[in-house]
Amino acid sequence: MRPPQSLATPTATSGAPLLEREGELARLREVLDAAAHGHGGAAVVVGPAGIGKTSLLTATREAATESGFRVLAARG
């Protein structure tokens, strides 16, 4: 598995770039990097409605898919 692609300039589901999310994206990138090197982990994204949780997860899912991870997604 190759290392994850950059999450530096992801876009939200609307196609607009994610703004002021560098810290969150860096942490999610660390989790993907660790997984790519055989170290499992987890990330929990919490916050009030409308803060962009889904957009962060979408950007992470896209980066993981581009890096060769098999990605499963569900909604509830």
PDB file of N, CA and C in Angstrom:
ATOM      1  N   MET A   1       0.853  -1.173   0.000  1.00  0.00           N
ATOM      2  CA  MET A   1       0.000   0.000   0.000  1.00  0.00           C
ATOM      3  C   MET A   1       0.898   1.235   0.000  1.00  0.00           C
ATOM      4  N   ARG A   2       0.620   2.167  -0.876  1.00  0.00           N
ATOM      5  CA  ARG A   2       1.449   3.372  -0.914  1.00  0.00           C
ATOM      6  C   ARG A   2       0.950   4.381   0.126  1.00  0.00           C
ATOM      7  N   PRO A   3       1.817   5.294   0.569  1.00  0.00           N
ATOM      8  CA  PRO A   3       1.411   6.286   1.564  1.00  0.00           C
ATOM      9  C   PRO A   3       0.245   7.127   1.062  1.00  0.00           C
ATOM     10  N   PRO A   4      -0.599   7.608   1.974  1.00  0.00           N
ATOM     11  CA  PRO A   4      -1.768   8.395   1.583  1.00  0.00           C
ATOM     12  C   PRO A   4      -1.409   9.646   0.805  1.00  0.00           C
ATOM     13  N   GLN A   5      -2.297   9.996  -0.110  1.00  0.00           N
ATOM     14  CA  GLN A   5      -2.148  11.241  -0.848  1.00  0.00           C
ATOM     15  C   GLN A   5      -2.341  12.407   0.109  1.00  0.00           C
ATOM     16  N   SER A   6      -1.917  13.551  -0.303  1.00  0.00           N
ATOM     17  CA  SER A   6      -2.033  14.742   0.529  1.00  0.00           C
ATOM     18  C   SER A   6      -3.481  15.104   0.800  1.00  0.00           C
ATOM     19  N   LEU A   7      -3.739  15.543   2.019  1.00  0.00           N
ATOM     20  CA  LEU A   7      -5.039  16.085   2.373  1.00  0.00           C
ATOM     21  C   LEU A   7      -4.940  17.604   2.454  1.00  0.00           C
ATOM     22  N   ALA A   8      -3.922  18.165   1.824  1.00  0.00           N
ATOM     23  CA  ALA A   8      -3.651  19.586   1.979  1.00  0.00           C
ATOM     24  C   ALA A   8      -4.717  20.482   1.359  1.00  0.00           C
ATOM     25  N   THR A   9      -5.286  20.079   0.233  1.00  0.00           N
ATOM     26  CA  THR A   9      -6.275  20.946  -0.418  1.00  0.00           C
ATOM     27  C   THR A   9      -7.531  20.174  -0.798  1.00  0.00           C
ATOM     28  N   PRO A  10      -8.118  19.456   0.157  1.00  0.00           N
ATOM     29  CA  PRO A  10      -9.333  18.727  -0.182  1.00  0.00           C
ATOM     30  C   PRO A  10     -10.497  19.666  -0.371  1.00  0.00           C
ATOM     31  N   THR A  11     -11.536  19.151  -0.958  1.00  0.00           N
ATOM     32  CA  THR A  11     -12.737  19.949  -1.141  1.00  0.00           C
ATOM     33  C   THR A  11     -13.888  19.317  -0.386  1.00  0.00           C
ATOM     34  N   ALA A  12     -14.816  20.128  -0.015  1.00  0.00           N
ATOM     35  CA  ALA A  12     -16.024  19.642   0.635  1.00  0.00           C
ATOM     36  C   ALA A  12     -16.896  18.970  -0.413  1.00  0.00           C
ATOM     37  N   THR A  13     -17.953  18.309   0.027  1.00  0.00           N
ATOM     38  CA  THR A  13     -18.833  17.621  -0.910  1.00  0.00           C
ATOM     39  C   THR A  13     -19.440  18.593  -1.916  1.00  0.00           C
ATOM     40  N   SER A  14     -19.497  19.872  -1.589  1.00  0.00           N
ATOM     41  CA  SER A  14     -20.028  20.871  -2.518  1.00  0.00           C
ATOM     42  C   SER A  14     -19.002  21.284  -3.562  1.00  0.00           C
ATOM     43  N   GLY A  15     -17.749  20.830  -3.411  1.00  0.00           N
ATOM     44  CA  GLY A  15     -16.691  21.210  -4.326  1.00  0.00           C
ATOM     45  C   GLY A  15     -15.888  22.403  -3.839  1.00  0.00           C
ATOM     46  N   ALA A  16     -16.334  23.048  -2.763  1.00  0.00           N
ATOM     47  CA  ALA A  16     -15.603  24.181  -2.201  1.00  0.00           C
ATOM     48  C   ALA A  16     -14.447  23.657  -1.348  1.00  0.00           C
ATOM     49  N   PRO A  17     -13.310  24.350  -1.336  1.00  0.00           N
ATOM     50  CA  PRO A  17     -12.187  23.887  -0.516  1.00  0.00           C
ATOM     51  C   PRO A  17     -12.512  23.968   0.970  1.00  0.00           C
ATOM     52  N   LEU A  18     -11.937  23.043   1.710  1.00  0.00           N
ATOM     53  CA  LEU A  18     -12.083  23.082   3.167  1.00  0.00           C
ATOM     54  C   LEU A  18     -11.179  24.185   3.695  1.00  0.00           C
ATOM     55  N   LEU A  19     -11.720  25.073   4.480  1.00  0.00           N
ATOM     56  CA  LEU A  19     -10.950  26.199   5.009  1.00  0.00           C
ATOM     57  C   LEU A  19     -10.701  26.022   6.496  1.00  0.00           C
ATOM     58  N   GLU A  20      -9.519  26.432   6.928  1.00  0.00           N
ATOM     59  CA  GLU A  20      -9.132  26.419   8.336  1.00  0.00           C
ATOM     60  C   GLU A  20      -9.291  25.042   8.961  1.00  0.00           C
ATOM     61  N   ARG A  21      -8.910  24.016   8.217  1.00  0.00           N
ATOM     62  CA  ARG A  21      -9.002  22.635   8.702  1.00  0.00           C
ATOM     63  C   ARG A  21      -7.643  21.953   8.706  1.00  0.00           C
ATOM     64  N   GLU A  22      -6.572  22.735   8.665  1.00  0.00           N
ATOM     65  CA  GLU A  22      -5.236  22.166   8.570  1.00  0.00           C
ATOM     66  C   GLU A  22      -4.922  21.214   9.720  1.00  0.00           C
ATOM     67  N   GLY A  23      -5.276  21.598  10.952  1.00  0.00           N
ATOM     68  CA  GLY A  23      -4.993  20.756  12.112  1.00  0.00           C
ATOM     69  C   GLY A  23      -5.724  19.432  12.059  1.00  0.00           C
ATOM     70  N   GLU A  24      -7.011  19.486  11.763  1.00  0.00           N
ATOM     71  CA  GLU A  24      -7.812  18.269  11.682  1.00  0.00           C
ATOM     72  C   GLU A  24      -7.329  17.373  10.551  1.00  0.00           C
ATOM     73  N   LEU A  25      -7.032  17.969   9.397  1.00  0.00           N
ATOM     74  CA  LEU A  25      -6.563  17.197   8.256  1.00  0.00           C
ATOM     75  C   LEU A  25      -5.196  16.576   8.532  1.00  0.00           C
ATOM     76  N   ALA A  26      -4.340  17.298   9.236  1.00  0.00           N
ATOM     77  CA  ALA A  26      -3.022  16.752   9.580  1.00  0.00           C
ATOM     78  C   ALA A  26      -3.173  15.531  10.475  1.00  0.00           C
ATOM     79  N   ARG A  27      -4.062  15.595  11.452  1.00  0.00           N
ATOM     80  CA  ARG A  27      -4.265  14.454  12.352  1.00  0.00           C
ATOM     81  C   ARG A  27      -4.828  13.255  11.603  1.00  0.00           C
ATOM     82  N   LEU A  28      -5.784  13.497  10.713  1.00  0.00           N
ATOM     83  CA  LEU A  28      -6.334  12.406   9.917  1.00  0.00           C
ATOM     84  C   LEU A  28      -5.280  11.825   8.973  1.00  0.00           C
ATOM     85  N   ARG A  29      -4.419  12.672   8.433  1.00  0.00           N
ATOM     86  CA  ARG A  29      -3.321  12.215   7.587  1.00  0.00           C
ATOM     87  C   ARG A  29      -2.371  11.317   8.377  1.00  0.00           C
ATOM     88  N   GLU A  30      -2.114  11.666   9.647  1.00  0.00           N
ATOM     89  CA  GLU A  30      -1.262  10.832  10.502  1.00  0.00           C
ATOM     90  C   GLU A  30      -1.852   9.440  10.689  1.00  0.00           C
ATOM     91  N   VAL A  31      -3.153   9.368  10.882  1.00  0.00           N
ATOM     92  CA  VAL A  31      -3.815   8.062  11.054  1.00  0.00           C
ATOM     93  C   VAL A  31      -3.675   7.240   9.772  1.00  0.00           C
ATOM     94  N   LEU A  32      -3.869   7.867   8.610  1.00  0.00           N
ATOM     95  CA  LEU A  32      -3.704   7.155   7.343  1.00  0.00           C
ATOM     96  C   LEU A  32      -2.260   6.719   7.130  1.00  0.00           C
ATOM     97  N   ASP A  33      -1.313   7.597   7.432  1.00  0.00           N
ATOM     98  CA  ASP A  33       0.106   7.249   7.290  1.00  0.00           C
ATOM     99  C   ASP A  33       0.458   6.048   8.154  1.00  0.00           C
ATOM    100  N   ALA A  34      -0.011   6.045   9.390  1.00  0.00           N
ATOM    101  CA  ALA A  34       0.266   4.931  10.301  1.00  0.00           C
ATOM    102  C   ALA A  34      -0.324   3.635   9.750  1.00  0.00           C
ATOM    103  N   ALA A  35      -1.551   3.701   9.261  1.00  0.00           N
ATOM    104  CA  ALA A  35      -2.197   2.511   8.701  1.00  0.00           C
ATOM    105  C   ALA A  35      -1.443   1.993   7.483  1.00  0.00           C
ATOM    106  N   ALA A  36      -0.947   2.901   6.656  1.00  0.00           N
ATOM    107  CA  ALA A  36      -0.187   2.506   5.473  1.00  0.00           C
ATOM    108  C   ALA A  36       1.092   1.777   5.844  1.00  0.00           C
ATOM    109  N   HIS A  37       1.576   2.026   7.054  1.00  0.00           N
ATOM    110  CA  HIS A  37       2.801   1.381   7.529  1.00  0.00           C
ATOM    111  C   HIS A  37       2.502   0.240   8.504  1.00  0.00           C
ATOM    112  N   GLY A  38       1.255  -0.228   8.514  1.00  0.00           N
ATOM    113  CA  GLY A  38       0.906  -1.401   9.305  1.00  0.00           C
ATOM    114  C   GLY A  38       0.528  -1.157  10.748  1.00  0.00           C
ATOM    115  N   HIS A  39       0.294   0.085  11.119  1.00  0.00           N
ATOM    116  CA  HIS A  39      -0.078   0.413  12.500  1.00  0.00           C
ATOM    117  C   HIS A  39      -1.528   0.895  12.526  1.00  0.00           C
ATOM    118  N   GLY A  40      -2.401   0.066  13.076  1.00  0.00           N
ATOM    119  CA  GLY A  40      -3.815   0.397  13.128  1.00  0.00           C
ATOM    120  C   GLY A  40      -4.088   1.577  14.046  1.00  0.00           C
ATOM    121  N   GLY A  41      -5.223   2.151  13.911  1.00  0.00           N
ATOM    122  CA  GLY A  41      -5.607   3.281  14.742  1.00  0.00           C
ATOM    123  C   GLY A  41      -7.042   3.664  14.464  1.00  0.00           C
ATOM    124  N   ALA A  42      -7.471   4.699  15.114  1.00  0.00           N
ATOM    125  CA  ALA A  42      -8.832   5.190  14.933  1.00  0.00           C
ATOM    126  C   ALA A  42      -8.839   6.700  15.122  1.00  0.00           C
ATOM    127  N   ALA A  43      -9.828   7.318  14.545  1.00  0.00           N
ATOM    128  CA  ALA A  43     -10.026   8.759  14.716  1.00  0.00           C
ATOM    129  C   ALA A  43     -11.513   8.982  14.957  1.00  0.00           C
ATOM    130  N   VAL A  44     -11.811   9.878  15.848  1.00  0.00           N
ATOM    131  CA  VAL A  44     -13.198  10.241  16.132  1.00  0.00           C
ATOM    132  C   VAL A  44     -13.359  11.720  15.793  1.00  0.00           C
ATOM    133  N   VAL A  45     -14.338  12.021  14.984  1.00  0.00           N
ATOM    134  CA  VAL A  45     -14.598  13.399  14.576  1.00  0.00           C
ATOM    135  C   VAL A  45     -15.902  13.830  15.247  1.00  0.00           C
ATOM    136  N   VAL A  46     -15.804  14.823  16.118  1.00  0.00           N
ATOM    137  CA  VAL A  46     -16.983  15.293  16.840  1.00  0.00           C
ATOM    138  C   VAL A  46     -17.133  16.801  16.665  1.00  0.00           C
ATOM    139  N   GLY A  47     -18.344  17.273  16.803  1.00  0.00           N
ATOM    140  CA  GLY A  47     -18.607  18.704  16.717  1.00  0.00           C
ATOM    141  C   GLY A  47     -20.082  18.934  16.460  1.00  0.00           C
ATOM    142  N   PRO A  48     -20.501  20.182  16.585  1.00  0.00           N
ATOM    143  CA  PRO A  48     -21.909  20.496  16.360  1.00  0.00           C
ATOM    144  C   PRO A  48     -22.299  20.340  14.888  1.00  0.00           C
ATOM    145  N   ALA A  49     -23.578  20.256  14.659  1.00  0.00           N
ATOM    146  CA  ALA A  49     -24.100  20.143  13.293  1.00  0.00           C
ATOM    147  C   ALA A  49     -23.620  21.315  12.443  1.00  0.00           C
ATOM    148  N   GLY A  50     -23.242  21.005  11.219  1.00  0.00           N
ATOM    149  CA  GLY A  50     -22.855  22.053  10.275  1.00  0.00           C
ATOM    150  C   GLY A  50     -21.415  22.501  10.352  1.00  0.00           C
ATOM    151  N   ILE A  51     -20.597  21.871  11.180  1.00  0.00           N
ATOM    152  CA  ILE A  51     -19.208  22.302  11.364  1.00  0.00           C
ATOM    153  C   ILE A  51     -18.279  21.731  10.282  1.00  0.00           C
ATOM    154  N   GLY A  52     -18.750  20.720   9.537  1.00  0.00           N
ATOM    155  CA  GLY A  52     -17.935  20.166   8.454  1.00  0.00           C
ATOM    156  C   GLY A  52     -17.370  18.786   8.720  1.00  0.00           C
ATOM    157  N   LYS A  53     -17.976  18.050   9.634  1.00  0.00           N
ATOM    158  CA  LYS A  53     -17.491  16.701   9.942  1.00  0.00           C
ATOM    159  C   LYS A  53     -17.548  15.793   8.715  1.00  0.00           C
ATOM    160  N   THR A  54     -18.661  15.840   8.010  1.00  0.00           N
ATOM    161  CA  THR A  54     -18.820  15.000   6.828  1.00  0.00           C
ATOM    162  C   THR A  54     -17.791  15.360   5.766  1.00  0.00           C
ATOM    163  N   SER A  55     -17.505  16.628   5.598  1.00  0.00           N
ATOM    164  CA  SER A  55     -16.506  17.056   4.608  1.00  0.00           C
ATOM    165  C   SER A  55     -15.116  16.555   4.975  1.00  0.00           C
ATOM    166  N   LEU A  56     -14.767  16.586   6.262  1.00  0.00           N
ATOM    167  CA  LEU A  56     -13.475  16.059   6.697  1.00  0.00           C
ATOM    168  C   LEU A  56     -13.376  14.565   6.406  1.00  0.00           C
ATOM    169  N   LEU A  57     -14.435  13.844   6.718  1.00  0.00           N
ATOM    170  CA  LEU A  57     -14.429  12.404   6.481  1.00  0.00           C
ATOM    171  C   LEU A  57     -14.419  12.080   4.996  1.00  0.00           C
ATOM    172  N   THR A  58     -15.105  12.878   4.193  1.00  0.00           N
ATOM    173  CA  THR A  58     -15.096  12.676   2.748  1.00  0.00           C
ATOM    174  C   THR A  58     -13.693  12.870   2.187  1.00  0.00           C
ATOM    175  N   ALA A  59     -13.016  13.912   2.614  1.00  0.00           N
ATOM    176  CA  ALA A  59     -11.645  14.174   2.152  1.00  0.00           C
ATOM    177  C   ALA A  59     -10.712  13.042   2.565  1.00  0.00           C
ATOM    178  N   THR A  60     -10.889  12.540   3.771  1.00  0.00           N
ATOM    179  CA  THR A  60     -10.055  11.444   4.260  1.00  0.00           C
ATOM    180  C   THR A  60     -10.349  10.169   3.489  1.00  0.00           C
ATOM    181  N   ARG A  61     -11.617   9.888   3.257  1.00  0.00           N
ATOM    182  CA  ARG A  61     -12.004   8.697   2.508  1.00  0.00           C
ATOM    183  C   ARG A  61     -11.443   8.747   1.088  1.00  0.00           C
ATOM    184  N   GLU A  62     -11.507   9.907   0.441  1.00  0.00           N
ATOM    185  CA  GLU A  62     -10.969  10.045  -0.913  1.00  0.00           C
ATOM    186  C   GLU A  62      -9.456   9.836  -0.936  1.00  0.00           C
ATOM    187  N   ALA A  63      -8.749  10.402   0.042  1.00  0.00           N
ATOM    188  CA  ALA A  63      -7.300  10.229   0.114  1.00  0.00           C
ATOM    189  C   ALA A  63      -6.940   8.763   0.351  1.00  0.00           C
ATOM    190  N   ALA A  64      -7.703   8.101   1.193  1.00  0.00           N
ATOM    191  CA  ALA A  64      -7.445   6.689   1.472  1.00  0.00           C
ATOM    192  C   ALA A  64      -7.671   5.839   0.225  1.00  0.00           C
ATOM    193  N   THR A  65      -8.751   6.112  -0.494  1.00  0.00           N
ATOM    194  CA  THR A  65      -9.051   5.365  -1.717  1.00  0.00           C
ATOM    195  C   THR A  65      -7.952   5.569  -2.748  1.00  0.00           C
ATOM    196  N   GLU A  66      -7.522   6.819  -2.930  1.00  0.00           N
ATOM    197  CA  GLU A  66      -6.449   7.125  -3.890  1.00  0.00           C
ATOM    198  C   GLU A  66      -5.144   6.448  -3.508  1.00  0.00           C
ATOM    199  N   SER A  67      -4.959   6.160  -2.229  1.00  0.00           N
ATOM    200  CA  SER A  67      -3.730   5.537  -1.757  1.00  0.00           C
ATOM    201  C   SER A  67      -3.786   4.018  -1.791  1.00  0.00           C
ATOM    202  N   GLY A  68      -4.904   3.472  -2.230  1.00  0.00           N
ATOM    203  CA  GLY A  68      -4.996   2.031  -2.369  1.00  0.00           C
ATOM    204  C   GLY A  68      -5.668   1.310  -1.218  1.00  0.00           C
ATOM    205  N   PHE A  69      -6.186   2.052  -0.258  1.00  0.00           N
ATOM    206  CA  PHE A  69      -6.927   1.419   0.827  1.00  0.00           C
ATOM    207  C   PHE A  69      -8.278   0.949   0.297  1.00  0.00           C
ATOM    208  N   ARG A  70      -8.774  -0.140   0.858  1.00  0.00           N
ATOM    209  CA  ARG A  70     -10.159  -0.533   0.593  1.00  0.00           C
ATOM    210  C   ARG A  70     -10.995   0.232   1.627  1.00  0.00           C
ATOM    211  N   VAL A  71     -11.913   1.052   1.162  1.00  0.00           N
ATOM    212  CA  VAL A  71     -12.686   1.923   2.040  1.00  0.00           C
ATOM    213  C   VAL A  71     -14.137   1.471   2.052  1.00  0.00           C
ATOM    214  N   LEU A  72     -14.651   1.287   3.258  1.00  0.00           N
ATOM    215  CA  LEU A  72     -16.062   0.960   3.451  1.00  0.00           C
ATOM    216  C   LEU A  72     -16.712   2.150   4.132  1.00  0.00           C
ATOM    217  N   ALA A  73     -17.917   2.485   3.739  1.00  0.00           N
ATOM    218  CA  ALA A  73     -18.605   3.624   4.333  1.00  0.00           C
ATOM    219  C   ALA A  73     -20.047   3.244   4.610  1.00  0.00           C
ATOM    220  N   ALA A  74     -20.589   3.829   5.661  1.00  0.00           N
ATOM    221  CA  ALA A  74     -21.989   3.603   6.010  1.00  0.00           C
ATOM    222  C   ALA A  74     -22.537   4.873   6.642  1.00  0.00           C
ATOM    223  N   ARG A  75     -23.829   5.025   6.605  1.00  0.00           N
ATOM    224  CA  ARG A  75     -24.500   6.160   7.252  1.00  0.00           C
ATOM    225  C   ARG A  75     -25.603   5.611   8.112  1.00  0.00           C
ATOM    226  N   GLY A  76     -25.873   6.319   9.182  1.00  0.00           N
ATOM    227  CA  GLY A  76     -26.932   5.852  10.059  1.00  0.00           C
ATOM    228  C   GLY A  76     -27.657   7.023  10.676  1.00  0.00           C
TER     229      GLY A  76
END
